[in-house]
């Protein structure tokens, strides 16, 4: 039987979190700050470009990533405007499969989240296991590469806490987030993954995730653009080297920082 959202599940009580945030449109800022280099890098986010330009675009993206790492400090905390309302049922849904992905228990058994790679203690967590770990909830901005922003309250487990539980080894420099949405995945730098607002989310706006929003669990952090935040998670792998991603391999910026 496929796992579908249980509407009877009780809401989760979340901590409040509200203050003013001063922001700047990321794509315009990078283009202005880095001139031609930034413009080329932004173009590379949208298309692989002609074969003859590939080397130039890769060079530009490398420069853009260095700039992002300097400007967008991992100690920065996202705080939505105090007046910002959560998007609720209007929060956009996105996936790459032909239809909304739903975990099929008949075919694959009970859903579990595997934490593996460069760890001393690999983990295999059911949704019950995950939700029994220390809980964190934040009201957070969601930044899409298309230019829109939405607000939702996310509840889950800090990835840093999972990393500690699994005993991540010092040589791990990247993290790959894999899903059952047509094998969608995206890899991150370890610094972004260990950000205090990077969560393995299992609830949104006080209720367990539904299928459209990535059930049973997804990664989310306001330090990354939306396409980097893999939904329908099945595996978190700590790696010594980066290994691309679904959109990153199609010409979108690998770093995807905000």
C-alpha atoms as a PDB file:
ATOM      1  CA  UNK A   1       0.000   0.000   0.000  1.00  0.00           C
ATOM      2  CA  UNK A   2       1.308   3.457  -0.839  1.00  0.00           C
ATOM      3  CA  UNK A   3       1.888   5.781   2.084  1.00  0.00           C
ATOM      4  CA  UNK A   4      -0.491   8.739   1.825  1.00  0.00           C
ATOM      5  CA  UNK A   5      -0.890  11.678   4.181  1.00  0.00           C
ATOM      6  CA  UNK A   6      -2.831  10.864   7.320  1.00  0.00           C
ATOM      7  CA  UNK A   7      -5.177  13.815   7.811  1.00  0.00           C
ATOM      8  CA  UNK A   8      -5.945  12.587  11.322  1.00  0.00           C
ATOM      9  CA  UNK A   9      -2.363  13.104  12.495  1.00  0.00           C
ATOM     10  CA  UNK A  10      -2.326  15.738  15.237  1.00  0.00           C
ATOM     11  CA  UNK A  11      -0.695  19.106  14.586  1.00  0.00           C
ATOM     12  CA  UNK A  12       2.760  19.708  16.009  1.00  0.00           C
ATOM     13  CA  UNK A  13       3.128  22.692  18.312  1.00  0.00           C
ATOM     14  CA  UNK A  14       5.976  24.904  17.105  1.00  0.00           C
ATOM     15  CA  UNK A  15       8.022  27.689  18.692  1.00  0.00           C
ATOM     16  CA  UNK A  16       7.299  31.228  17.467  1.00  0.00           C
ATOM     17  CA  UNK A  17      10.075  33.079  15.682  1.00  0.00           C
ATOM     18  CA  UNK A  18       9.584  36.612  14.281  1.00  0.00           C
ATOM     19  CA  UNK A  19      11.724  39.719  13.661  1.00  0.00           C
ATOM     20  CA  UNK A  20      12.673  42.030  10.853  1.00  0.00           C
ATOM     21  CA  UNK A  21      14.895  40.812   7.995  1.00  0.00           C
ATOM     22  CA  UNK A  22      16.699  43.080   5.551  1.00  0.00           C
ATOM     23  CA  UNK A  23      17.352  41.345   2.210  1.00  0.00           C
ATOM     24  CA  UNK A  24      18.467  41.939  -1.359  1.00  0.00           C
ATOM     25  CA  UNK A  25      17.535  40.048  -4.512  1.00  0.00           C
ATOM     26  CA  UNK A  26      20.373  37.536  -4.887  1.00  0.00           C
ATOM     27  CA  UNK A  27      20.634  37.390  -8.676  1.00  0.00           C
ATOM     28  CA  UNK A  28      20.662  41.198  -9.108  1.00  0.00           C
ATOM     29  CA  UNK A  29      23.150  41.597  -6.298  1.00  0.00           C
ATOM     30  CA  UNK A  30      25.603  39.065  -7.696  1.00  0.00           C
ATOM     31  CA  UNK A  31      25.399  40.572 -11.161  1.00  0.00           C
ATOM     32  CA  UNK A  32      26.095  44.039  -9.768  1.00  0.00           C
ATOM     33  CA  UNK A  33      28.822  42.903  -7.371  1.00  0.00           C
ATOM     34  CA  UNK A  34      30.817  40.787  -9.772  1.00  0.00           C
ATOM     35  CA  UNK A  35      30.218  42.560 -13.074  1.00  0.00           C
ATOM     36  CA  UNK A  36      30.744  40.485 -16.188  1.00  0.00           C
ATOM     37  CA  UNK A  37      31.801  37.484 -14.120  1.00  0.00           C
ATOM     38  CA  UNK A  38      28.542  37.519 -12.206  1.00  0.00           C
ATOM     39  CA  UNK A  39      26.517  37.960 -15.397  1.00  0.00           C
ATOM     40  CA  UNK A  40      28.189  34.962 -17.019  1.00  0.00           C
ATOM     41  CA  UNK A  41      27.667  32.847 -13.922  1.00  0.00           C
ATOM     42  CA  UNK A  42      23.986  33.719 -13.779  1.00  0.00           C
ATOM     43  CA  UNK A  43      23.609  32.786 -17.421  1.00  0.00           C
ATOM     44  CA  UNK A  44      25.218  29.457 -16.588  1.00  0.00           C
ATOM     45  CA  UNK A  45      22.479  28.825 -14.022  1.00  0.00           C
ATOM     46  CA  UNK A  46      19.840  28.886 -16.746  1.00  0.00           C
ATOM     47  CA  UNK A  47      21.481  26.953 -19.567  1.00  0.00           C
ATOM     48  CA  UNK A  48      24.483  24.840 -20.363  1.00  0.00           C
ATOM     49  CA  UNK A  49      25.100  27.276 -23.214  1.00  0.00           C
ATOM     50  CA  UNK A  50      26.945  26.598 -26.486  1.00  0.00           C
ATOM     51  CA  UNK A  51      29.758  24.065 -26.378  1.00  0.00           C
ATOM     52  CA  UNK A  52      32.310  26.750 -27.231  1.00  0.00           C
ATOM     53  CA  UNK A  53      31.332  28.759 -24.147  1.00  0.00           C
ATOM     54  CA  UNK A  54      31.379  25.883 -21.679  1.00  0.00           C
ATOM     55  CA  UNK A  55      34.892  26.586 -20.402  1.00  0.00           C
ATOM     56  CA  UNK A  56      34.151  30.270 -19.890  1.00  0.00           C
ATOM     57  CA  UNK A  57      30.907  29.493 -18.065  1.00  0.00           C
ATOM     58  CA  UNK A  58      32.617  26.963 -15.810  1.00  0.00           C
ATOM     59  CA  UNK A  59      35.283  29.532 -14.965  1.00  0.00           C
ATOM     60  CA  UNK A  60      32.588  32.119 -14.243  1.00  0.00           C
ATOM     61  CA  UNK A  61      30.642  29.724 -12.043  1.00  0.00           C
ATOM     62  CA  UNK A  62      33.787  28.905 -10.074  1.00  0.00           C
ATOM     63  CA  UNK A  63      34.370  32.609  -9.467  1.00  0.00           C
ATOM     64  CA  UNK A  64      30.724  33.100  -8.563  1.00  0.00           C
ATOM     65  CA  UNK A  65      30.895  30.278  -6.010  1.00  0.00           C
ATOM     66  CA  UNK A  66      33.971  31.817  -4.372  1.00  0.00           C
ATOM     67  CA  UNK A  67      32.129  35.133  -4.150  1.00  0.00           C
ATOM     68  CA  UNK A  68      29.062  33.467  -2.605  1.00  0.00           C
ATOM     69  CA  UNK A  69      31.150  31.658  -0.017  1.00  0.00           C
ATOM     70  CA  UNK A  70      32.640  35.001   1.042  1.00  0.00           C
ATOM     71  CA  UNK A  71      29.395  37.005   1.039  1.00  0.00           C
ATOM     72  CA  UNK A  72      26.884  34.516   2.409  1.00  0.00           C
ATOM     73  CA  UNK A  73      28.310  33.517   5.765  1.00  0.00           C
ATOM     74  CA  UNK A  74      27.111  30.234   7.229  1.00  0.00           C
ATOM     75  CA  UNK A  75      26.660  31.951  10.575  1.00  0.00           C
ATOM     76  CA  UNK A  76      23.903  34.162   9.109  1.00  0.00           C
ATOM     77  CA  UNK A  77      20.390  33.373  10.329  1.00  0.00           C
ATOM     78  CA  UNK A  78      17.254  33.769   8.222  1.00  0.00           C
ATOM     79  CA  UNK A  79      14.457  35.671   9.982  1.00  0.00           C
ATOM     80  CA  UNK A  80      11.350  36.439   7.883  1.00  0.00           C
ATOM     81  CA  UNK A  81       9.662  39.833   8.179  1.00  0.00           C
ATOM     82  CA  UNK A  82       7.472  40.068  11.249  1.00  0.00           C
ATOM     83  CA  UNK A  83       4.498  40.780   8.987  1.00  0.00           C
ATOM     84  CA  UNK A  84       5.145  37.803   6.691  1.00  0.00           C
ATOM     85  CA  UNK A  85       2.301  35.287   6.638  1.00  0.00           C
ATOM     86  CA  UNK A  86       2.906  31.613   5.956  1.00  0.00           C
ATOM     87  CA  UNK A  87       1.836  30.454   2.503  1.00  0.00           C
ATOM     88  CA  UNK A  88      -0.194  27.593   3.952  1.00  0.00           C
ATOM     89  CA  UNK A  89      -2.015  25.487   1.357  1.00  0.00           C
ATOM     90  CA  UNK A  90      -0.823  27.887  -1.352  1.00  0.00           C
ATOM     91  CA  UNK A  91       2.809  26.884  -0.887  1.00  0.00           C
ATOM     92  CA  UNK A  92       3.992  25.692  -4.332  1.00  0.00           C
ATOM     93  CA  UNK A  93       4.588  21.988  -4.925  1.00  0.00           C
ATOM     94  CA  UNK A  94       7.295  20.749  -7.258  1.00  0.00           C
ATOM     95  CA  UNK A  95       8.756  17.396  -8.307  1.00  0.00           C
ATOM     96  CA  UNK A  96      10.346  15.890 -11.430  1.00  0.00           C
ATOM     97  CA  UNK A  97       8.279  12.692 -11.695  1.00  0.00           C
ATOM     98  CA  UNK A  98       5.230  12.583 -13.968  1.00  0.00           C
ATOM     99  CA  UNK A  99       2.966  12.625 -10.909  1.00  0.00           C
ATOM    100  CA  UNK A 100       3.260  13.390  -7.207  1.00  0.00           C
ATOM    101  CA  UNK A 101       5.720  10.867  -5.755  1.00  0.00           C
ATOM    102  CA  UNK A 102       4.257   8.637  -3.027  1.00  0.00           C
ATOM    103  CA  UNK A 103       6.302   6.048  -1.165  1.00  0.00           C
ATOM    104  CA  UNK A 104       5.071   2.570  -2.096  1.00  0.00           C
ATOM    105  CA  UNK A 105       5.279   0.341   0.978  1.00  0.00           C
ATOM    106  CA  UNK A 106       4.060  -2.725  -0.951  1.00  0.00           C
ATOM    107  CA  UNK A 107       7.014  -2.471  -3.308  1.00  0.00           C
ATOM    108  CA  UNK A 108       9.712  -1.060  -1.029  1.00  0.00           C
ATOM    109  CA  UNK A 109       8.671  -1.750   2.560  1.00  0.00           C
ATOM    110  CA  UNK A 110       8.381   0.826   5.314  1.00  0.00           C
ATOM    111  CA  UNK A 111      10.104   4.104   4.441  1.00  0.00           C
ATOM    112  CA  UNK A 112      13.451   4.645   6.125  1.00  0.00           C
ATOM    113  CA  UNK A 113      16.060   7.377   5.909  1.00  0.00           C
ATOM    114  CA  UNK A 114      19.589   6.058   5.481  1.00  0.00           C
ATOM    115  CA  UNK A 115      22.561   8.111   6.728  1.00  0.00           C
ATOM    116  CA  UNK A 116      25.778   6.697   5.312  1.00  0.00           C
ATOM    117  CA  UNK A 117      29.100   7.422   3.627  1.00  0.00           C
ATOM    118  CA  UNK A 118      31.917   8.820   5.751  1.00  0.00           C
ATOM    119  CA  UNK A 119      30.291   8.022   9.111  1.00  0.00           C
ATOM    120  CA  UNK A 120      31.282   5.774  11.982  1.00  0.00           C
ATOM    121  CA  UNK A 121      27.713   4.663  12.711  1.00  0.00           C
ATOM    122  CA  UNK A 122      25.393   4.386   9.684  1.00  0.00           C
ATOM    123  CA  UNK A 123      21.766   5.142  10.524  1.00  0.00           C
ATOM    124  CA  UNK A 124      18.483   3.725   9.252  1.00  0.00           C
ATOM    125  CA  UNK A 125      15.596   5.801  10.619  1.00  0.00           C
ATOM    126  CA  UNK A 126      11.858   5.286  10.264  1.00  0.00           C
ATOM    127  CA  UNK A 127       9.585   8.341  10.361  1.00  0.00           C
ATOM    128  CA  UNK A 128       8.815   7.462  13.975  1.00  0.00           C
ATOM    129  CA  UNK A 129      12.538   7.298  14.768  1.00  0.00           C
ATOM    130  CA  UNK A 130      13.128  10.647  13.106  1.00  0.00           C
ATOM    131  CA  UNK A 131      10.267  12.410  14.855  1.00  0.00           C
ATOM    132  CA  UNK A 132      11.398  11.072  18.242  1.00  0.00           C
ATOM    133  CA  UNK A 133      14.759  12.858  17.980  1.00  0.00           C
ATOM    134  CA  UNK A 134      15.226  16.391  19.408  1.00  0.00           C
ATOM    135  CA  UNK A 135      12.847  18.620  17.475  1.00  0.00           C
ATOM    136  CA  UNK A 136      13.546  22.054  15.986  1.00  0.00           C
ATOM    137  CA  UNK A 137      11.007  24.399  14.388  1.00  0.00           C
ATOM    138  CA  UNK A 138      11.583  27.626  12.477  1.00  0.00           C
ATOM    139  CA  UNK A 139       9.515  30.061  10.480  1.00  0.00           C
ATOM    140  CA  UNK A 140      11.689  30.363   7.361  1.00  0.00           C
ATOM    141  CA  UNK A 141      11.866  31.985   3.951  1.00  0.00           C
ATOM    142  CA  UNK A 142      11.974  29.762   0.876  1.00  0.00           C
ATOM    143  CA  UNK A 143      13.891  31.296  -2.048  1.00  0.00           C
ATOM    144  CA  UNK A 144      13.216  29.985  -5.556  1.00  0.00           C
ATOM    145  CA  UNK A 145      15.637  30.443  -8.453  1.00  0.00           C
ATOM    146  CA  UNK A 146      12.649  31.753 -10.468  1.00  0.00           C
ATOM    147  CA  UNK A 147      12.531  34.800  -8.198  1.00  0.00           C
ATOM    148  CA  UNK A 148       9.606  34.171  -5.825  1.00  0.00           C
ATOM    149  CA  UNK A 149       9.799  33.788  -2.055  1.00  0.00           C
ATOM    150  CA  UNK A 150       7.354  32.033   0.283  1.00  0.00           C
ATOM    151  CA  UNK A 151       7.274  31.546   4.047  1.00  0.00           C
ATOM    152  CA  UNK A 152       6.518  28.333   5.935  1.00  0.00           C
ATOM    153  CA  UNK A 153       7.139  26.992   9.420  1.00  0.00           C
ATOM    154  CA  UNK A 154       9.323  23.902   9.182  1.00  0.00           C
ATOM    155  CA  UNK A 155       9.759  21.263  11.863  1.00  0.00           C
ATOM    156  CA  UNK A 156      12.396  18.570  11.883  1.00  0.00           C
ATOM    157  CA  UNK A 157      15.805  17.485  13.087  1.00  0.00           C
ATOM    158  CA  UNK A 158      18.939  19.560  12.597  1.00  0.00           C
ATOM    159  CA  UNK A 159      21.213  17.838  10.108  1.00  0.00           C
ATOM    160  CA  UNK A 160      24.090  18.735  12.415  1.00  0.00           C
ATOM    161  CA  UNK A 161      22.444  16.596  15.118  1.00  0.00           C
ATOM    162  CA  UNK A 162      22.082  13.646  12.717  1.00  0.00           C
ATOM    163  CA  UNK A 163      25.712  14.080  11.695  1.00  0.00           C
ATOM    164  CA  UNK A 164      26.767  13.934  15.345  1.00  0.00           C
ATOM    165  CA  UNK A 165      24.596  10.865  15.950  1.00  0.00           C
ATOM    166  CA  UNK A 166      26.149   9.100  12.957  1.00  0.00           C
ATOM    167  CA  UNK A 167      29.687  10.172  13.847  1.00  0.00           C
ATOM    168  CA  UNK A 168      30.667  11.960  10.645  1.00  0.00           C
ATOM    169  CA  UNK A 169      34.388  11.651   9.938  1.00  0.00           C
ATOM    170  CA  UNK A 170      36.655  14.699   9.532  1.00  0.00           C
ATOM    171  CA  UNK A 171      37.297  14.018   5.819  1.00  0.00           C
ATOM    172  CA  UNK A 172      33.635  14.541   4.861  1.00  0.00           C
ATOM    173  CA  UNK A 173      33.462  17.786   2.870  1.00  0.00           C
ATOM    174  CA  UNK A 174      30.186  17.314   0.989  1.00  0.00           C
ATOM    175  CA  UNK A 175      26.737  15.847   1.583  1.00  0.00           C
ATOM    176  CA  UNK A 176      24.491  14.271  -1.046  1.00  0.00           C
ATOM    177  CA  UNK A 177      20.712  14.215  -0.530  1.00  0.00           C
ATOM    178  CA  UNK A 178      18.981  11.457  -2.510  1.00  0.00           C
ATOM    179  CA  UNK A 179      15.270  10.869  -3.097  1.00  0.00           C
ATOM    180  CA  UNK A 180      12.668   8.548  -4.603  1.00  0.00           C
ATOM    181  CA  UNK A 181      11.461  11.325  -6.922  1.00  0.00           C
ATOM    182  CA  UNK A 182      12.872   9.751 -10.104  1.00  0.00           C
ATOM    183  CA  UNK A 183      16.266   9.470  -8.352  1.00  0.00           C
ATOM    184  CA  UNK A 184      16.468  13.251  -7.843  1.00  0.00           C
ATOM    185  CA  UNK A 185      19.479  14.292  -5.780  1.00  0.00           C
ATOM    186  CA  UNK A 186      21.599  17.355  -5.011  1.00  0.00           C
ATOM    187  CA  UNK A 187      24.923  17.618  -3.189  1.00  0.00           C
ATOM    188  CA  UNK A 188      25.947  20.435  -0.820  1.00  0.00           C
ATOM    189  CA  UNK A 189      29.080  21.756   0.796  1.00  0.00           C
ATOM    190  CA  UNK A 190      29.453  20.541   4.386  1.00  0.00           C
ATOM    191  CA  UNK A 191      29.376  24.083   5.815  1.00  0.00           C
ATOM    192  CA  UNK A 192      25.882  24.750   4.436  1.00  0.00           C
ATOM    193  CA  UNK A 193      24.701  21.323   5.550  1.00  0.00           C
ATOM    194  CA  UNK A 194      25.852  22.006   9.124  1.00  0.00           C
ATOM    195  CA  UNK A 195      24.134  25.417   9.257  1.00  0.00           C
ATOM    196  CA  UNK A 196      21.896  25.574  12.389  1.00  0.00           C
ATOM    197  CA  UNK A 197      18.787  26.141  10.222  1.00  0.00           C
ATOM    198  CA  UNK A 198      19.444  23.170   7.926  1.00  0.00           C
ATOM    199  CA  UNK A 199      16.756  20.676   8.892  1.00  0.00           C
ATOM    200  CA  UNK A 200      15.567  17.262   7.876  1.00  0.00           C
ATOM    201  CA  UNK A 201      11.918  18.321   7.799  1.00  0.00           C
ATOM    202  CA  UNK A 202       8.942  16.045   8.439  1.00  0.00           C
ATOM    203  CA  UNK A 203       6.289  18.700   9.199  1.00  0.00           C
ATOM    204  CA  UNK A 204       5.221  22.031   7.742  1.00  0.00           C
ATOM    205  CA  UNK A 205       2.973  24.657   9.347  1.00  0.00           C
ATOM    206  CA  UNK A 206       2.162  22.347  12.243  1.00  0.00           C
ATOM    207  CA  UNK A 207       1.215  19.196  10.301  1.00  0.00           C
ATOM    208  CA  UNK A 208       3.173  16.256   8.965  1.00  0.00           C
ATOM    209  CA  UNK A 209       4.263  16.737   5.357  1.00  0.00           C
ATOM    210  CA  UNK A 210       1.815  15.716   2.669  1.00  0.00           C
ATOM    211  CA  UNK A 211       2.952  14.087  -0.558  1.00  0.00           C
ATOM    212  CA  UNK A 212       3.014  17.329  -2.545  1.00  0.00           C
ATOM    213  CA  UNK A 213       5.460  18.854  -0.062  1.00  0.00           C
ATOM    214  CA  UNK A 214       7.908  15.964   0.038  1.00  0.00           C
ATOM    215  CA  UNK A 215       6.587  13.351   2.493  1.00  0.00           C
ATOM    216  CA  UNK A 216       7.783  11.538   4.465  1.00  0.00           C
ATOM    217  CA  UNK A 217      10.808  13.873   4.844  1.00  0.00           C
ATOM    218  CA  UNK A 218      12.898  16.426   2.987  1.00  0.00           C
ATOM    219  CA  UNK A 219      15.944  18.603   3.551  1.00  0.00           C
ATOM    220  CA  UNK A 220      15.392  22.337   3.906  1.00  0.00           C
ATOM    221  CA  UNK A 221      17.635  25.314   4.643  1.00  0.00           C
ATOM    222  CA  UNK A 222      17.187  29.015   3.850  1.00  0.00           C
ATOM    223  CA  UNK A 223      20.885  29.197   2.912  1.00  0.00           C
ATOM    224  CA  UNK A 224      20.167  27.313  -0.342  1.00  0.00           C
ATOM    225  CA  UNK A 225      17.907  27.985  -3.321  1.00  0.00           C
ATOM    226  CA  UNK A 226      14.827  25.783  -3.594  1.00  0.00           C
ATOM    227  CA  UNK A 227      16.156  23.300  -6.142  1.00  0.00           C
ATOM    228  CA  UNK A 228      18.989  22.341  -3.766  1.00  0.00           C
ATOM    229  CA  UNK A 229      16.487  21.306  -1.070  1.00  0.00           C
ATOM    230  CA  UNK A 230      15.799  17.697  -2.008  1.00  0.00           C
ATOM    231  CA  UNK A 231      12.328  16.364  -1.188  1.00  0.00           C
ATOM    232  CA  UNK A 232      11.161  12.732  -0.782  1.00  0.00           C
ATOM    233  CA  UNK A 233      14.405  11.842   0.980  1.00  0.00           C
ATOM    234  CA  UNK A 234      15.717   8.304   1.156  1.00  0.00           C
ATOM    235  CA  UNK A 235      19.444   8.757   1.769  1.00  0.00           C
ATOM    236  CA  UNK A 236      21.945  11.263   3.146  1.00  0.00           C
ATOM    237  CA  UNK A 237      25.522  10.434   2.167  1.00  0.00           C
ATOM    238  CA  UNK A 238      28.579  12.214   3.584  1.00  0.00           C
ATOM    239  CA  UNK A 239      31.288  12.349   0.930  1.00  0.00           C
ATOM    240  CA  UNK A 240      34.905  13.481   0.449  1.00  0.00           C
ATOM    241  CA  UNK A 241      34.078  15.028  -2.968  1.00  0.00           C
ATOM    242  CA  UNK A 242      31.056  16.674  -4.580  1.00  0.00           C
ATOM    243  CA  UNK A 243      28.993  14.620  -7.014  1.00  0.00           C
ATOM    244  CA  UNK A 244      26.690  17.100  -8.749  1.00  0.00           C
ATOM    245  CA  UNK A 245      22.927  16.879  -8.731  1.00  0.00           C
ATOM    246  CA  UNK A 246      19.778  16.713 -10.850  1.00  0.00           C
ATOM    247  CA  UNK A 247      19.675  20.418 -11.765  1.00  0.00           C
ATOM    248  CA  UNK A 248      23.360  21.060 -11.175  1.00  0.00           C
ATOM    249  CA  UNK A 249      24.166  18.554 -13.935  1.00  0.00           C
ATOM    250  CA  UNK A 250      21.770  20.415 -16.255  1.00  0.00           C
ATOM    251  CA  UNK A 251      23.554  23.747 -16.033  1.00  0.00           C
ATOM    252  CA  UNK A 252      22.168  25.260 -12.856  1.00  0.00           C
ATOM    253  CA  UNK A 253      24.667  26.572 -10.354  1.00  0.00           C
ATOM    254  CA  UNK A 254      26.002  23.807  -8.107  1.00  0.00           C
ATOM    255  CA  UNK A 255      26.496  25.942  -4.971  1.00  0.00           C
ATOM    256  CA  UNK A 256      23.013  27.523  -5.108  1.00  0.00           C
ATOM    257  CA  UNK A 257      23.569  29.738  -2.068  1.00  0.00           C
ATOM    258  CA  UNK A 258      21.301  32.528  -0.829  1.00  0.00           C
END
